[in-house]
Amino acid sequence: MRLPIIKHFVQFIDENDEDFLLETIATLEDLTLCDALKDQEIDVIGELLSNLYGALEVANDIKEGTSKRDALNGFMQRVIKSIDR
């Protein structure tokens, strides 16, 4: 996951609607079922999906009243903790 990409998606949600991200997620998840994809391509799609899901989680925290900065920092801390396990 990359914080700059998550920030960009969160900004996109602010300016538009999270439904765009949900539709993008559905499209990318469906694309992973394509037999013609190479492992590297699936990895790239997986990274994009991780960033999209992260942005949705951060946007949800912001909707619940958390500041943007705290929501981003909190999310990345949860990611780091899950990696350390």
N, C-alpha and C. Protein backbone atom coordinates (compact mmCIF):
# COMPACT_ATOMS: atom_id res chain seq x y z
N MET A 1 0.84 -1.18 0.00
CA MET A 1 0.00 0.00 0.00
C MET A 1 0.88 1.24 0.00
N ARG A 2 0.42 2.21 -0.70
CA ARG A 2 1.18 3.45 -0.79
C ARG A 2 0.31 4.60 -0.35
N LEU A 3 0.77 5.30 0.66
CA LEU A 3 0.00 6.40 1.24
C LEU A 3 -0.33 7.50 0.23
N PRO A 4 0.59 7.91 -0.66
CA PRO A 4 0.22 8.95 -1.63
C PRO A 4 -0.94 8.53 -2.54
N ILE A 5 -0.99 7.26 -2.90
CA ILE A 5 -2.08 6.79 -3.74
C ILE A 5 -3.39 6.77 -2.96
N ILE A 6 -3.32 6.33 -1.72
CA ILE A 6 -4.52 6.33 -0.86
C ILE A 6 -5.02 7.75 -0.67
N LYS A 7 -4.11 8.69 -0.42
CA LYS A 7 -4.50 10.11 -0.29
C LYS A 7 -5.20 10.60 -1.55
N HIS A 8 -4.66 10.23 -2.69
CA HIS A 8 -5.25 10.65 -3.97
C HIS A 8 -6.67 10.10 -4.09
N PHE A 9 -6.86 8.84 -3.78
CA PHE A 9 -8.19 8.25 -3.86
C PHE A 9 -9.15 8.88 -2.86
N VAL A 10 -8.67 9.20 -1.67
CA VAL A 10 -9.51 9.87 -0.67
C VAL A 10 -9.95 11.24 -1.20
N GLN A 11 -9.03 11.96 -1.82
CA GLN A 11 -9.37 13.26 -2.42
C GLN A 11 -10.40 13.08 -3.53
N PHE A 12 -10.25 12.03 -4.31
CA PHE A 12 -11.22 11.73 -5.37
C PHE A 12 -12.60 11.48 -4.78
N ILE A 13 -12.65 10.74 -3.69
CA ILE A 13 -13.93 10.49 -3.02
C ILE A 13 -14.54 11.80 -2.54
N ASP A 14 -13.70 12.68 -1.98
CA ASP A 14 -14.19 13.99 -1.50
C ASP A 14 -14.81 14.80 -2.64
N GLU A 15 -14.18 14.75 -3.80
CA GLU A 15 -14.63 15.56 -4.93
C GLU A 15 -15.75 14.91 -5.73
N ASN A 16 -15.89 13.62 -5.64
CA ASN A 16 -16.87 12.89 -6.44
C ASN A 16 -17.77 12.07 -5.53
N ASP A 17 -17.61 10.77 -5.57
CA ASP A 17 -18.45 9.88 -4.78
C ASP A 17 -17.72 8.56 -4.62
N GLU A 18 -17.90 7.92 -3.50
CA GLU A 18 -17.21 6.65 -3.29
C GLU A 18 -17.75 5.54 -4.18
N ASP A 19 -18.92 5.73 -4.76
CA ASP A 19 -19.47 4.73 -5.67
C ASP A 19 -18.55 4.48 -6.86
N PHE A 20 -17.83 5.49 -7.30
CA PHE A 20 -16.88 5.31 -8.39
C PHE A 20 -15.80 4.30 -8.00
N LEU A 21 -15.31 4.40 -6.76
CA LEU A 21 -14.30 3.46 -6.29
C LEU A 21 -14.88 2.06 -6.14
N LEU A 22 -16.10 1.97 -5.64
CA LEU A 22 -16.73 0.66 -5.49
C LEU A 22 -16.92 -0.03 -6.84
N GLU A 23 -17.29 0.74 -7.86
CA GLU A 23 -17.43 0.18 -9.20
C GLU A 23 -16.08 -0.22 -9.78
N THR A 24 -15.06 0.56 -9.50
CA THR A 24 -13.71 0.24 -9.96
C THR A 24 -13.23 -1.05 -9.30
N ILE A 25 -13.49 -1.19 -8.01
CA ILE A 25 -13.11 -2.40 -7.29
C ILE A 25 -13.80 -3.62 -7.90
N ALA A 26 -15.09 -3.50 -8.16
CA ALA A 26 -15.83 -4.62 -8.74
C ALA A 26 -15.25 -4.99 -10.11
N THR A 27 -14.90 -3.99 -10.90
CA THR A 27 -14.33 -4.24 -12.23
C THR A 27 -12.98 -4.93 -12.12
N LEU A 28 -12.12 -4.42 -11.25
CA LEU A 28 -10.79 -5.02 -11.11
C LEU A 28 -10.86 -6.44 -10.55
N GLU A 29 -11.75 -6.66 -9.58
CA GLU A 29 -11.90 -8.01 -9.04
C GLU A 29 -12.38 -8.98 -10.11
N ASP A 30 -13.29 -8.53 -10.95
CA ASP A 30 -13.75 -9.38 -12.05
C ASP A 30 -12.62 -9.64 -13.04
N LEU A 31 -11.81 -8.64 -13.29
CA LEU A 31 -10.70 -8.79 -14.22
C LEU A 31 -9.70 -9.85 -13.76
N THR A 32 -9.54 -10.02 -12.47
CA THR A 32 -8.59 -11.02 -11.96
C THR A 32 -9.00 -12.44 -12.33
N LEU A 33 -10.23 -12.63 -12.75
CA LEU A 33 -10.71 -13.95 -13.15
C LEU A 33 -10.30 -14.30 -14.58
N CYS A 34 -9.75 -13.34 -15.30
CA CYS A 34 -9.35 -13.54 -16.69
C CYS A 34 -8.12 -14.47 -16.74
N ASP A 35 -8.24 -15.54 -17.48
CA ASP A 35 -7.14 -16.52 -17.58
C ASP A 35 -5.92 -15.99 -18.31
N ALA A 36 -6.08 -14.95 -19.10
CA ALA A 36 -4.97 -14.44 -19.91
C ALA A 36 -4.00 -13.57 -19.12
N LEU A 37 -4.32 -13.23 -17.87
CA LEU A 37 -3.44 -12.36 -17.09
C LEU A 37 -2.21 -13.12 -16.60
N LYS A 38 -1.11 -12.42 -16.61
CA LYS A 38 0.14 -12.97 -16.07
C LYS A 38 0.20 -12.65 -14.58
N ASP A 39 1.05 -13.37 -13.86
CA ASP A 39 1.18 -13.16 -12.42
C ASP A 39 1.52 -11.72 -12.07
N GLN A 40 2.40 -11.12 -12.84
CA GLN A 40 2.80 -9.73 -12.57
C GLN A 40 1.61 -8.79 -12.72
N GLU A 41 0.78 -9.04 -13.70
CA GLU A 41 -0.41 -8.20 -13.91
C GLU A 41 -1.41 -8.37 -12.76
N ILE A 42 -1.55 -9.59 -12.29
CA ILE A 42 -2.44 -9.84 -11.15
C ILE A 42 -1.90 -9.14 -9.91
N ASP A 43 -0.58 -9.13 -9.74
CA ASP A 43 0.04 -8.44 -8.61
C ASP A 43 -0.26 -6.94 -8.65
N VAL A 44 -0.17 -6.34 -9.83
CA VAL A 44 -0.45 -4.91 -9.99
C VAL A 44 -1.91 -4.62 -9.66
N ILE A 45 -2.80 -5.45 -10.15
CA ILE A 45 -4.23 -5.27 -9.86
C ILE A 45 -4.47 -5.42 -8.36
N GLY A 46 -3.81 -6.39 -7.74
CA GLY A 46 -3.94 -6.58 -6.30
C GLY A 46 -3.48 -5.37 -5.51
N GLU A 47 -2.39 -4.77 -5.95
CA GLU A 47 -1.89 -3.55 -5.28
C GLU A 47 -2.88 -2.40 -5.43
N LEU A 48 -3.44 -2.25 -6.61
CA LEU A 48 -4.46 -1.22 -6.81
C LEU A 48 -5.67 -1.47 -5.92
N LEU A 49 -6.10 -2.72 -5.85
CA LEU A 49 -7.25 -3.05 -5.00
C LEU A 49 -6.96 -2.74 -3.53
N SER A 50 -5.76 -3.05 -3.07
CA SER A 50 -5.39 -2.74 -1.69
C SER A 50 -5.48 -1.24 -1.41
N ASN A 51 -4.99 -0.45 -2.35
CA ASN A 51 -5.04 1.00 -2.18
C ASN A 51 -6.48 1.53 -2.23
N LEU A 52 -7.30 0.96 -3.10
CA LEU A 52 -8.70 1.38 -3.18
C LEU A 52 -9.45 1.04 -1.90
N TYR A 53 -9.27 -0.18 -1.41
CA TYR A 53 -9.92 -0.56 -0.15
C TYR A 53 -9.42 0.29 1.01
N GLY A 54 -8.13 0.59 1.01
CA GLY A 54 -7.58 1.46 2.06
C GLY A 54 -8.19 2.84 2.02
N ALA A 55 -8.35 3.37 0.82
CA ALA A 55 -8.95 4.70 0.67
C ALA A 55 -10.40 4.70 1.17
N LEU A 56 -11.12 3.64 0.88
CA LEU A 56 -12.51 3.56 1.37
C LEU A 56 -12.56 3.53 2.90
N GLU A 57 -11.62 2.80 3.49
CA GLU A 57 -11.57 2.73 4.95
C GLU A 57 -11.23 4.09 5.56
N VAL A 58 -10.26 4.77 4.97
CA VAL A 58 -9.88 6.11 5.45
C VAL A 58 -11.05 7.08 5.28
N ALA A 59 -11.69 7.04 4.13
CA ALA A 59 -12.84 7.92 3.87
C ALA A 59 -13.96 7.67 4.87
N ASN A 60 -14.16 6.41 5.23
CA ASN A 60 -15.18 6.07 6.22
C ASN A 60 -14.82 6.65 7.59
N ASP A 61 -13.55 6.56 7.97
CA ASP A 61 -13.10 7.15 9.24
C ASP A 61 -13.33 8.66 9.25
N ILE A 62 -13.07 9.29 8.12
CA ILE A 62 -13.26 10.74 8.01
C ILE A 62 -14.74 11.08 8.15
N LYS A 63 -15.60 10.28 7.53
CA LYS A 63 -17.05 10.50 7.66
C LYS A 63 -17.51 10.40 9.10
N GLU A 64 -16.85 9.54 9.87
CA GLU A 64 -17.21 9.34 11.27
C GLU A 64 -16.64 10.42 12.18
N GLY A 65 -15.91 11.38 11.61
CA GLY A 65 -15.45 12.51 12.39
C GLY A 65 -13.96 12.58 12.64
N THR A 66 -13.21 11.60 12.20
CA THR A 66 -11.76 11.62 12.38
C THR A 66 -11.17 12.60 11.36
N SER A 67 -10.16 13.34 11.80
CA SER A 67 -9.51 14.26 10.85
C SER A 67 -8.82 13.44 9.76
N LYS A 68 -8.63 14.05 8.61
CA LYS A 68 -8.01 13.36 7.48
C LYS A 68 -6.63 12.85 7.85
N ARG A 69 -5.87 13.69 8.50
CA ARG A 69 -4.51 13.32 8.90
C ARG A 69 -4.52 12.13 9.86
N ASP A 70 -5.39 12.20 10.89
CA ASP A 70 -5.46 11.11 11.85
C ASP A 70 -6.00 9.83 11.23
N ALA A 71 -6.94 9.95 10.30
CA ALA A 71 -7.49 8.77 9.64
C ALA A 71 -6.40 8.09 8.80
N LEU A 72 -5.61 8.87 8.07
CA LEU A 72 -4.53 8.31 7.27
C LEU A 72 -3.46 7.67 8.16
N ASN A 73 -3.06 8.38 9.19
CA ASN A 73 -2.03 7.84 10.10
C ASN A 73 -2.52 6.59 10.81
N GLY A 74 -3.76 6.61 11.26
CA GLY A 74 -4.32 5.45 11.95
C GLY A 74 -4.39 4.23 11.04
N PHE A 75 -4.79 4.47 9.81
CA PHE A 75 -4.86 3.36 8.85
C PHE A 75 -3.48 2.76 8.62
N MET A 76 -2.50 3.60 8.38
CA MET A 76 -1.15 3.09 8.11
C MET A 76 -0.58 2.38 9.33
N GLN A 77 -0.90 2.84 10.52
CA GLN A 77 -0.44 2.15 11.73
C GLN A 77 -1.06 0.76 11.82
N ARG A 78 -2.35 0.65 11.47
CA ARG A 78 -3.00 -0.67 11.49
C ARG A 78 -2.35 -1.60 10.46
N VAL A 79 -2.00 -1.05 9.31
CA VAL A 79 -1.34 -1.86 8.27
C VAL A 79 0.02 -2.35 8.78
N ILE A 80 0.78 -1.45 9.36
CA ILE A 80 2.11 -1.81 9.87
C ILE A 80 2.00 -2.87 10.96
N LYS A 81 1.04 -2.71 11.86
CA LYS A 81 0.85 -3.70 12.93
C LYS A 81 0.47 -5.06 12.36
N SER A 82 -0.34 -5.08 11.32
CA SER A 82 -0.75 -6.36 10.73
C SER A 82 0.43 -7.04 10.03
N ILE A 83 1.36 -6.26 9.52
CA ILE A 83 2.54 -6.81 8.86
C ILE A 83 3.50 -7.37 9.90
N ASP A 84 3.60 -6.72 11.05
CA ASP A 84 4.52 -7.15 12.10
C ASP A 84 4.12 -8.45 12.77
N ARG A 85 2.89 -8.86 12.61
CA ARG A 85 2.42 -10.10 13.30
C ARG A 85 3.07 -11.30 12.77
